[in-house]
């Protein structure tokens, strides 16, 4: 099988840490990258979750709101009913 060169730029400190960890696993960085590439091709996806902590917090907040809505019965409300509740709450806040 023909070989190809793959060049990657990364932070020097990260590279040192990666090399050391790969050595602990009994391989070099090139072998580790090949293992990763084979897993991506085999599974047709990145073999681990990639997420932003900001995105994760937002999704958790939405899920909490959904749970609160289920508990309070608000999940059964129509959009018009929800908007009316918001309007009434704003009017009440203005009065204070």
PDB file of N, CA and C in Angstrom:
ATOM      1  N   UNK A   1       0.845  -1.176   0.000  1.00  0.00           N
ATOM      2  CA  UNK A   1       0.000   0.000   0.000  1.00  0.00           C
ATOM      3  C   UNK A   1       0.893   1.242   0.000  1.00  0.00           C
ATOM      4  N   UNK A   2       0.583   2.176  -0.864  1.00  0.00           N
ATOM      5  CA  UNK A   2       1.363   3.409  -0.943  1.00  0.00           C
ATOM      6  C   UNK A   2       1.169   4.232   0.323  1.00  0.00           C
ATOM      7  N   UNK A   3       2.207   4.933   0.711  1.00  0.00           N
ATOM      8  CA  UNK A   3       2.173   5.764   1.903  1.00  0.00           C
ATOM      9  C   UNK A   3       2.056   7.237   1.504  1.00  0.00           C
ATOM     10  N   UNK A   4       1.410   8.025   2.345  1.00  0.00           N
ATOM     11  CA  UNK A   4       1.282   9.468   2.134  1.00  0.00           C
ATOM     12  C   UNK A   4       1.721  10.163   3.416  1.00  0.00           C
ATOM     13  N   UNK A   5       2.233  11.363   3.259  1.00  0.00           N
ATOM     14  CA  UNK A   5       2.649  12.152   4.420  1.00  0.00           C
ATOM     15  C   UNK A   5       1.517  13.073   4.826  1.00  0.00           C
ATOM     16  N   UNK A   6       1.331  13.194   6.134  1.00  0.00           N
ATOM     17  CA  UNK A   6       0.275  14.021   6.702  1.00  0.00           C
ATOM     18  C   UNK A   6       0.951  14.934   7.725  1.00  0.00           C
ATOM     19  N   UNK A   7       0.901  16.230   7.505  1.00  0.00           N
ATOM     20  CA  UNK A   7       1.563  17.185   8.391  1.00  0.00           C
ATOM     21  C   UNK A   7       0.522  17.961   9.180  1.00  0.00           C
ATOM     22  N   UNK A   8       0.741  18.061  10.490  1.00  0.00           N
ATOM     23  CA  UNK A   8      -0.209  18.749  11.373  1.00  0.00           C
ATOM     24  C   UNK A   8       0.553  19.747  12.231  1.00  0.00           C
ATOM     25  N   UNK A   9       0.021  20.936  12.366  1.00  0.00           N
ATOM     26  CA  UNK A   9       0.602  21.930  13.271  1.00  0.00           C
ATOM     27  C   UNK A   9      -0.179  21.899  14.579  1.00  0.00           C
ATOM     28  N   UNK A  10       0.557  21.942  15.692  1.00  0.00           N
ATOM     29  CA  UNK A  10      -0.101  22.007  16.995  1.00  0.00           C
ATOM     30  C   UNK A  10       0.824  22.689  17.987  1.00  0.00           C
ATOM     31  N   UNK A  11       0.262  23.097  19.077  1.00  0.00           N
ATOM     32  CA  UNK A  11       1.000  23.722  20.153  1.00  0.00           C
ATOM     33  C   UNK A  11       2.133  22.800  20.611  1.00  0.00           C
ATOM     34  N   UNK A  12       3.312  23.377  20.828  1.00  0.00           N
ATOM     35  CA  UNK A  12       4.483  22.584  21.189  1.00  0.00           C
ATOM     36  C   UNK A  12       4.284  21.797  22.487  1.00  0.00           C
ATOM     37  N   UNK A  13       3.648  22.422  23.455  1.00  0.00           N
ATOM     38  CA  UNK A  13       3.402  21.740  24.727  1.00  0.00           C
ATOM     39  C   UNK A  13       2.442  20.569  24.539  1.00  0.00           C
ATOM     40  N   UNK A  14       1.392  20.785  23.751  1.00  0.00           N
ATOM     41  CA  UNK A  14       0.444  19.704  23.462  1.00  0.00           C
ATOM     42  C   UNK A  14       1.154  18.548  22.766  1.00  0.00           C
ATOM     43  N   UNK A  15       2.048  18.856  21.826  1.00  0.00           N
ATOM     44  CA  UNK A  15       2.793  17.826  21.090  1.00  0.00           C
ATOM     45  C   UNK A  15       3.641  16.998  22.053  1.00  0.00           C
ATOM     46  N   UNK A  16       4.321  17.666  22.987  1.00  0.00           N
ATOM     47  CA  UNK A  16       5.147  16.927  23.960  1.00  0.00           C
ATOM     48  C   UNK A  16       4.284  16.001  24.813  1.00  0.00           C
ATOM     49  N   UNK A  17       3.141  16.521  25.270  1.00  0.00           N
ATOM     50  CA  UNK A  17       2.236  15.711  26.090  1.00  0.00           C
ATOM     51  C   UNK A  17       1.687  14.528  25.290  1.00  0.00           C
ATOM     52  N   UNK A  18       1.313  14.793  24.037  1.00  0.00           N
ATOM     53  CA  UNK A  18       0.780  13.742  23.175  1.00  0.00           C
ATOM     54  C   UNK A  18       1.825  12.661  22.927  1.00  0.00           C
ATOM     55  N   UNK A  19       3.053  13.084  22.607  1.00  0.00           N
ATOM     56  CA  UNK A  19       4.137  12.118  22.373  1.00  0.00           C
ATOM     57  C   UNK A  19       4.378  11.250  23.616  1.00  0.00           C
ATOM     58  N   UNK A  20       4.372  11.884  24.781  1.00  0.00           N
ATOM     59  CA  UNK A  20       4.617  11.136  26.024  1.00  0.00           C
ATOM     60  C   UNK A  20       3.502  10.125  26.280  1.00  0.00           C
ATOM     61  N   UNK A  21       2.273  10.538  26.067  1.00  0.00           N
ATOM     62  CA  UNK A  21       1.143   9.633  26.276  1.00  0.00           C
ATOM     63  C   UNK A  21       1.171   8.480  25.271  1.00  0.00           C
ATOM     64  N   UNK A  22       1.480   8.803  24.020  1.00  0.00           N
ATOM     65  CA  UNK A  22       1.586   7.745  23.004  1.00  0.00           C
ATOM     66  C   UNK A  22       2.673   6.740  23.403  1.00  0.00           C
ATOM     67  N   UNK A  23       3.792   7.240  23.915  1.00  0.00           N
ATOM     68  CA  UNK A  23       4.871   6.347  24.354  1.00  0.00           C
ATOM     69  C   UNK A  23       4.391   5.441  25.484  1.00  0.00           C
ATOM     70  N   UNK A  24       3.576   6.006  26.396  1.00  0.00           N
ATOM     71  CA  UNK A  24       3.003   5.184  27.465  1.00  0.00           C
ATOM     72  C   UNK A  24       2.145   4.054  26.895  1.00  0.00           C
ATOM     73  N   UNK A  25       1.500   4.326  25.749  1.00  0.00           N
ATOM     74  CA  UNK A  25       0.657   3.319  25.095  1.00  0.00           C
ATOM     75  C   UNK A  25       1.475   2.366  24.236  1.00  0.00           C
ATOM     76  N   UNK A  26       2.770   2.620  24.128  1.00  0.00           N
ATOM     77  CA  UNK A  26       3.637   1.757  23.334  1.00  0.00           C
ATOM     78  C   UNK A  26       3.585   2.059  21.841  1.00  0.00           C
ATOM     79  N   UNK A  27       3.296   3.302  21.497  1.00  0.00           N
ATOM     80  CA  UNK A  27       3.248   3.685  20.077  1.00  0.00           C
ATOM     81  C   UNK A  27       3.797   5.087  19.936  1.00  0.00           C
ATOM     82  N   UNK A  28       4.015   5.485  18.689  1.00  0.00           N
ATOM     83  CA  UNK A  28       4.424   6.859  18.448  1.00  0.00           C
ATOM     84  C   UNK A  28       3.209   7.667  17.968  1.00  0.00           C
ATOM     85  N   UNK A  29       3.396   8.974  17.794  1.00  0.00           N
ATOM     86  CA  UNK A  29       2.297   9.853  17.394  1.00  0.00           C
ATOM     87  C   UNK A  29       1.733   9.453  16.037  1.00  0.00           C
ATOM     88  N   UNK A  30       2.588   9.043  15.118  1.00  0.00           N
ATOM     89  CA  UNK A  30       2.132   8.643  13.787  1.00  0.00           C
ATOM     90  C   UNK A  30       1.174   7.453  13.869  1.00  0.00           C
ATOM     91  N   UNK A  31       1.512   6.475  14.686  1.00  0.00           N
ATOM     92  CA  UNK A  31       0.638   5.311  14.870  1.00  0.00           C
ATOM     93  C   UNK A  31      -0.689   5.730  15.502  1.00  0.00           C
ATOM     94  N   UNK A  32      -0.633   6.617  16.490  1.00  0.00           N
ATOM     95  CA  UNK A  32      -1.858   7.080  17.150  1.00  0.00           C
ATOM     96  C   UNK A  32      -2.775   7.802  16.156  1.00  0.00           C
ATOM     97  N   UNK A  33      -2.195   8.640  15.304  1.00  0.00           N
ATOM     98  CA  UNK A  33      -2.994   9.356  14.302  1.00  0.00           C
ATOM     99  C   UNK A  33      -3.600   8.352  13.318  1.00  0.00           C
ATOM    100  N   UNK A  34      -2.843   7.318  12.958  1.00  0.00           N
ATOM    101  CA  UNK A  34      -3.382   6.289  12.072  1.00  0.00           C
ATOM    102  C   UNK A  34      -4.530   5.525  12.729  1.00  0.00           C
ATOM    103  N   UNK A  35      -4.406   5.232  14.020  1.00  0.00           N
ATOM    104  CA  UNK A  35      -5.488   4.566  14.753  1.00  0.00           C
ATOM    105  C   UNK A  35      -6.741   5.436  14.720  1.00  0.00           C
ATOM    106  N   UNK A  36      -6.549   6.735  14.974  1.00  0.00           N
ATOM    107  CA  UNK A  36      -7.664   7.685  14.941  1.00  0.00           C
ATOM    108  C   UNK A  36      -8.306   7.720  13.547  1.00  0.00           C
ATOM    109  N   UNK A  37      -7.486   7.842  12.501  1.00  0.00           N
ATOM    110  CA  UNK A  37      -8.006   7.922  11.128  1.00  0.00           C
ATOM    111  C   UNK A  37      -8.780   6.654  10.752  1.00  0.00           C
ATOM    112  N   UNK A  38      -8.261   5.500  11.149  1.00  0.00           N
ATOM    113  CA  UNK A  38      -8.968   4.244  10.851  1.00  0.00           C
ATOM    114  C   UNK A  38     -10.323   4.195  11.570  1.00  0.00           C
ATOM    115  N   UNK A  39     -10.365   4.652  12.807  1.00  0.00           N
ATOM    116  CA  UNK A  39     -11.631   4.666  13.558  1.00  0.00           C
ATOM    117  C   UNK A  39     -12.638   5.608  12.902  1.00  0.00           C
ATOM    118  N   UNK A  40     -12.188   6.772  12.450  1.00  0.00           N
ATOM    119  CA  UNK A  40     -13.077   7.732  11.785  1.00  0.00           C
ATOM    120  C   UNK A  40     -13.647   7.121  10.508  1.00  0.00           C
ATOM    121  N   UNK A  41     -12.795   6.492   9.711  1.00  0.00           N
ATOM    122  CA  UNK A  41     -13.249   5.880   8.456  1.00  0.00           C
ATOM    123  C   UNK A  41     -14.185   4.712   8.744  1.00  0.00           C
ATOM    124  N   UNK A  42     -13.825   3.865   9.696  1.00  0.00           N
ATOM    125  CA  UNK A  42     -14.634   2.698  10.016  1.00  0.00           C
ATOM    126  C   UNK A  42     -16.020   3.095  10.537  1.00  0.00           C
ATOM    127  N   UNK A  43     -16.055   4.059  11.463  1.00  0.00           N
ATOM    128  CA  UNK A  43     -17.316   4.448  12.092  1.00  0.00           C
ATOM    129  C   UNK A  43     -18.050   5.550  11.334  1.00  0.00           C
ATOM    130  N   UNK A  44     -17.345   6.166  10.379  1.00  0.00           N
ATOM    131  CA  UNK A  44     -17.902   7.264   9.583  1.00  0.00           C
ATOM    132  C   UNK A  44     -18.359   8.423  10.464  1.00  0.00           C
ATOM    133  N   UNK A  45     -17.610   8.643  11.534  1.00  0.00           N
ATOM    134  CA  UNK A  45     -17.852   9.760  12.453  1.00  0.00           C
ATOM    135  C   UNK A  45     -16.624   9.928  13.335  1.00  0.00           C
ATOM    136  N   UNK A  46     -16.540  11.069  13.992  1.00  0.00           N
ATOM    137  CA  UNK A  46     -15.485  11.259  14.985  1.00  0.00           C
ATOM    138  C   UNK A  46     -15.827  10.332  16.151  1.00  0.00           C
ATOM    139  N   UNK A  47     -14.894   9.498  16.582  1.00  0.00           N
ATOM    140  CA  UNK A  47     -15.226   8.471  17.583  1.00  0.00           C
ATOM    141  C   UNK A  47     -15.326   8.965  19.028  1.00  0.00           C
ATOM    142  N   UNK A  48     -15.604  10.225  19.200  1.00  0.00           N
ATOM    143  CA  UNK A  48     -15.857  10.780  20.528  1.00  0.00           C
ATOM    144  C   UNK A  48     -16.681  12.039  20.355  1.00  0.00           C
ATOM    145  N   UNK A  49     -17.326  12.448  21.433  1.00  0.00           N
ATOM    146  CA  UNK A  49     -18.188  13.624  21.373  1.00  0.00           C
ATOM    147  C   UNK A  49     -17.348  14.891  21.414  1.00  0.00           C
ATOM    148  N   UNK A  50     -17.686  15.826  20.543  1.00  0.00           N
ATOM    149  CA  UNK A  50     -17.045  17.131  20.533  1.00  0.00           C
ATOM    150  C   UNK A  50     -18.131  18.140  20.851  1.00  0.00           C
ATOM    151  N   UNK A  51     -17.928  18.902  21.920  1.00  0.00           N
ATOM    152  CA  UNK A  51     -18.938  19.894  22.259  1.00  0.00           C
ATOM    153  C   UNK A  51     -18.290  21.077  22.941  1.00  0.00           C
ATOM    154  N   UNK A  52     -18.971  22.153  22.900  1.00  0.00           N
ATOM    155  CA  UNK A  52     -18.541  23.373  23.565  1.00  0.00           C
ATOM    156  C   UNK A  52     -19.215  23.418  24.921  1.00  0.00           C
ATOM    157  N   UNK A  53     -18.501  23.800  25.940  1.00  0.00           N
ATOM    158  CA  UNK A  53     -19.127  23.868  27.251  1.00  0.00           C
ATOM    159  C   UNK A  53     -20.272  24.876  27.237  1.00  0.00           C
ATOM    160  N   UNK A  54     -20.137  25.933  26.435  1.00  0.00           N
ATOM    161  CA  UNK A  54     -21.217  26.924  26.317  1.00  0.00           C
ATOM    162  C   UNK A  54     -22.445  26.266  25.697  1.00  0.00           C
ATOM    163  N   UNK A  55     -22.228  25.493  24.648  1.00  0.00           N
ATOM    164  CA  UNK A  55     -23.334  24.787  23.986  1.00  0.00           C
ATOM    165  C   UNK A  55     -23.971  23.780  24.945  1.00  0.00           C
ATOM    166  N   UNK A  56     -23.133  23.082  25.668  1.00  0.00           N
ATOM    167  CA  UNK A  56     -23.630  22.083  26.616  1.00  0.00           C
ATOM    168  C   UNK A  56     -24.477  22.739  27.705  1.00  0.00           C
ATOM    169  N   UNK A  57     -24.019  23.885  28.218  1.00  0.00           N
ATOM    170  CA  UNK A  57     -24.790  24.601  29.241  1.00  0.00           C
ATOM    171  C   UNK A  57     -26.131  25.048  28.682  1.00  0.00           C
ATOM    172  N   UNK A  58     -26.142  25.512  27.433  1.00  0.00           N
ATOM    173  CA  UNK A  58     -27.392  25.958  26.816  1.00  0.00           C
ATOM    174  C   UNK A  58     -28.359  24.788  26.657  1.00  0.00           C
ATOM    175  N   UNK A  59     -27.848  23.652  26.211  1.00  0.00           N
ATOM    176  CA  UNK A  59     -28.706  22.478  26.056  1.00  0.00           C
ATOM    177  C   UNK A  59     -29.241  22.004  27.405  1.00  0.00           C
ATOM    178  N   UNK A  60     -28.405  22.047  28.430  1.00  0.00           N
ATOM    179  CA  UNK A  60     -28.858  21.673  29.772  1.00  0.00           C
ATOM    180  C   UNK A  60     -29.932  22.625  30.266  1.00  0.00           C
ATOM    181  N   UNK A  61     -29.766  23.919  29.988  1.00  0.00           N
ATOM    182  CA  UNK A  61     -30.761  24.906  30.405  1.00  0.00           C
ATOM    183  C   UNK A  61     -32.094  24.656  29.710  1.00  0.00           C
ATOM    184  N   UNK A  62     -32.051  24.361  28.421  1.00  0.00           N
ATOM    185  CA  UNK A  62     -33.277  24.070  27.674  1.00  0.00           C
ATOM    186  C   UNK A  62     -33.953  22.836  28.250  1.00  0.00           C
ATOM    187  N   UNK A  63     -33.176  21.814  28.560  1.00  0.00           N
ATOM    188  CA  UNK A  63     -33.745  20.587  29.113  1.00  0.00           C
ATOM    189  C   UNK A  63     -34.373  20.849  30.487  1.00  0.00           C
ATOM    190  N   UNK A  64     -33.719  21.675  31.304  1.00  0.00           N
ATOM    191  CA  UNK A  64     -34.290  22.026  32.605  1.00  0.00           C
ATOM    192  C   UNK A  64     -35.610  22.774  32.439  1.00  0.00           C
ATOM    193  N   UNK A  65     -35.642  23.690  31.464  1.00  0.00           N
ATOM    194  CA  UNK A  65     -36.884  24.435  31.206  1.00  0.00           C
ATOM    195  C   UNK A  65     -37.996  23.496  30.740  1.00  0.00           C
ATOM    196  N   UNK A  66     -37.635  22.532  29.909  1.00  0.00           N
ATOM    197  CA  UNK A  66     -38.632  21.557  29.446  1.00  0.00           C
ATOM    198  C   UNK A  66     -39.192  20.765  30.626  1.00  0.00           C
ATOM    199  N   UNK A  67     -38.302  20.360  31.522  1.00  0.00           N
ATOM    200  CA  UNK A  67     -38.738  19.594  32.697  1.00  0.00           C
ATOM    201  C   UNK A  67     -39.645  20.440  33.584  1.00  0.00           C
ATOM    202  N   UNK A  68     -39.282  21.694  33.792  1.00  0.00           N
ATOM    203  CA  UNK A  68     -40.121  22.593  34.584  1.00  0.00           C
ATOM    204  C   UNK A  68     -41.485  22.769  33.925  1.00  0.00           C
ATOM    205  N   UNK A  69     -41.497  22.892  32.606  1.00  0.00           N
ATOM    206  CA  UNK A  69     -42.759  23.050  31.878  1.00  0.00           C
ATOM    207  C   UNK A  69     -43.627  21.806  32.028  1.00  0.00           C
ATOM    208  N   UNK A  70     -43.003  20.626  31.974  1.00  0.00           N
ATOM    209  CA  UNK A  70     -43.771  19.383  32.158  1.00  0.00           C
ATOM    210  C   UNK A  70     -44.382  19.329  33.554  1.00  0.00           C
ATOM    211  N   UNK A  71     -43.579  19.684  34.554  1.00  0.00           N
ATOM    212  CA  UNK A  71     -44.046  19.629  35.945  1.00  0.00           C
ATOM    213  C   UNK A  71     -45.168  20.626  36.215  1.00  0.00           C
ATOM    214  N   UNK A  72     -45.093  21.786  35.583  1.00  0.00           N
ATOM    215  CA  UNK A  72     -46.094  22.827  35.854  1.00  0.00           C
ATOM    216  C   UNK A  72     -47.305  22.741  34.931  1.00  0.00           C
ATOM    217  N   UNK A  73     -47.234  21.865  33.937  1.00  0.00           N
ATOM    218  CA  UNK A  73     -48.335  21.754  32.988  1.00  0.00           C
ATOM    219  C   UNK A  73     -48.225  22.727  31.830  1.00  0.00           C
ATOM    220  N   UNK A  74     -47.183  23.545  31.832  1.00  0.00           N
ATOM    221  CA  UNK A  74     -47.012  24.541  30.771  1.00  0.00           C
ATOM    222  C   UNK A  74     -46.677  23.897  29.427  1.00  0.00           C
ATOM    223  N   UNK A  75     -46.217  22.670  29.446  1.00  0.00           N
ATOM    224  CA  UNK A  75     -45.862  22.019  28.182  1.00  0.00           C
ATOM    225  C   UNK A  75     -47.101  21.746  27.334  1.00  0.00           C
ATOM    226  N   UNK A  76     -48.279  21.826  27.954  1.00  0.00           N
ATOM    227  CA  UNK A  76     -49.531  21.608  27.230  1.00  0.00           C
ATOM    228  C   UNK A  76     -50.098  22.908  26.648  1.00  0.00           C
ATOM    229  N   UNK A  77     -49.433  24.034  26.950  1.00  0.00           N
ATOM    230  CA  UNK A  77     -49.925  25.331  26.497  1.00  0.00           C
ATOM    231  C   UNK A  77     -49.590  25.558  25.030  1.00  0.00           C
ATOM    232  N   UNK A  78     -50.451  26.311  24.363  1.00  0.00           N
ATOM    233  CA  UNK A  78     -50.175  26.709  22.982  1.00  0.00           C
ATOM    234  C   UNK A  78     -49.228  27.895  23.000  1.00  0.00           C
ATOM    235  N   UNK A  79     -48.657  28.203  21.861  1.00  0.00           N
ATOM    236  CA  UNK A  79     -47.773  29.358  21.761  1.00  0.00           C
ATOM    237  C   UNK A  79     -48.523  30.647  22.101  1.00  0.00           C
ATOM    238  N   UNK A  80     -49.769  30.762  21.661  1.00  0.00           N
ATOM    239  CA  UNK A  80     -50.564  31.949  21.984  1.00  0.00           C
ATOM    240  C   UNK A  80     -50.766  32.066  23.496  1.00  0.00           C
ATOM    241  N   UNK A  81     -51.024  30.955  24.153  1.00  0.00           N
ATOM    242  CA  UNK A  81     -51.207  30.982  25.613  1.00  0.00           C
ATOM    243  C   UNK A  81     -49.918  31.379  26.328  1.00  0.00           C
ATOM    244  N   UNK A  82     -48.805  30.880  25.848  1.00  0.00           N
ATOM    245  CA  UNK A  82     -47.507  31.223  26.438  1.00  0.00           C
ATOM    246  C   UNK A  82     -47.232  32.716  26.256  1.00  0.00           C
ATOM    247  N   UNK A  83     -47.471  33.217  25.046  1.00  0.00           N
ATOM    248  CA  UNK A  83     -47.257  34.644  24.789  1.00  0.00           C
ATOM    249  C   UNK A  83     -48.162  35.511  25.664  1.00  0.00           C
ATOM    250  N   UNK A  84     -49.381  35.082  25.892  1.00  0.00           N
ATOM    251  CA  UNK A  84     -50.300  35.824  26.755  1.00  0.00           C
ATOM    252  C   UNK A  84     -49.779  35.841  28.197  1.00  0.00           C
ATOM    253  N   UNK A  85     -49.260  34.708  28.671  1.00  0.00           N
ATOM    254  CA  UNK A  85     -48.673  34.654  30.007  1.00  0.00           C
ATOM    255  C   UNK A  85     -47.501  35.631  30.123  1.00  0.00           C
ATOM    256  N   UNK A  86     -46.674  35.673  29.100  1.00  0.00           N
ATOM    257  CA  UNK A  86     -45.538  36.590  29.095  1.00  0.00           C
ATOM    258  C   UNK A  86     -46.021  38.035  29.131  1.00  0.00           C
ATOM    259  N   UNK A  87     -47.023  38.348  28.322  1.00  0.00           N
ATOM    260  CA  UNK A  87     -47.568  39.699  28.280  1.00  0.00           C
ATOM    261  C   UNK A  87     -48.101  40.105  29.645  1.00  0.00           C
ATOM    262  N   UNK A  88     -48.856  39.216  30.273  1.00  0.00           N
ATOM    263  CA  UNK A  88     -49.415  39.505  31.592  1.00  0.00           C
ATOM    264  C   UNK A  88     -48.315  39.702  32.644  1.00  0.00           C
ATOM    265  N   UNK A  89     -47.268  38.882  32.598  1.00  0.00           N
ATOM    266  CA  UNK A  89     -46.157  38.999  33.544  1.00  0.00           C
ATOM    267  C   UNK A  89     -45.442  40.330  33.359  1.00  0.00           C
ATOM    268  N   UNK A  90     -45.271  40.758  32.113  1.00  0.00           N
ATOM    269  CA  UNK A  90     -44.625  42.049  31.851  1.00  0.00           C
ATOM    270  C   UNK A  90     -45.479  43.204  32.362  1.00  0.00           C
ATOM    271  N   UNK A  91     -46.781  43.114  32.168  1.00  0.00           N
ATOM    272  CA  UNK A  91     -47.671  44.166  32.658  1.00  0.00           C
ATOM    273  C   UNK A  91     -47.608  44.218  34.187  1.00  0.00           C
ATOM    274  N   UNK A  92     -47.579  43.086  34.816  1.00  0.00           N
ATOM    275  CA  UNK A  92     -47.538  43.011  36.272  1.00  0.00           C
ATOM    276  C   UNK A  92     -46.223  43.610  36.784  1.00  0.00           C
ATOM    277  N   UNK A  93     -45.146  43.344  36.087  1.00  0.00           N
ATOM    278  CA  UNK A  93     -43.831  43.862  36.476  1.00  0.00           C
ATOM    279  C   UNK A  93     -43.799  45.389  36.344  1.00  0.00           C
ATOM    280  N   UNK A  94     -44.451  45.937  35.312  1.00  0.00           N
ATOM    281  CA  UNK A  94     -44.494  47.386  35.092  1.00  0.00           C
ATOM    282  C   UNK A  94     -45.230  48.083  36.236  1.00  0.00           C
ATOM    283  N   UNK A  95     -46.238  47.428  36.796  1.00  0.00           N
ATOM    284  CA  UNK A  95     -47.034  48.014  37.867  1.00  0.00           C
ATOM    285  C   UNK A  95     -46.229  48.174  39.152  1.00  0.00           C
ATOM    286  N   UNK A  96     -45.191  47.399  39.336  1.00  0.00           N
ATOM    287  CA  UNK A  96     -44.405  47.406  40.589  1.00  0.00           C
ATOM    288  C   UNK A  96     -43.395  48.503  40.607  1.00  0.00           C
TER     289      UNK A  96
END
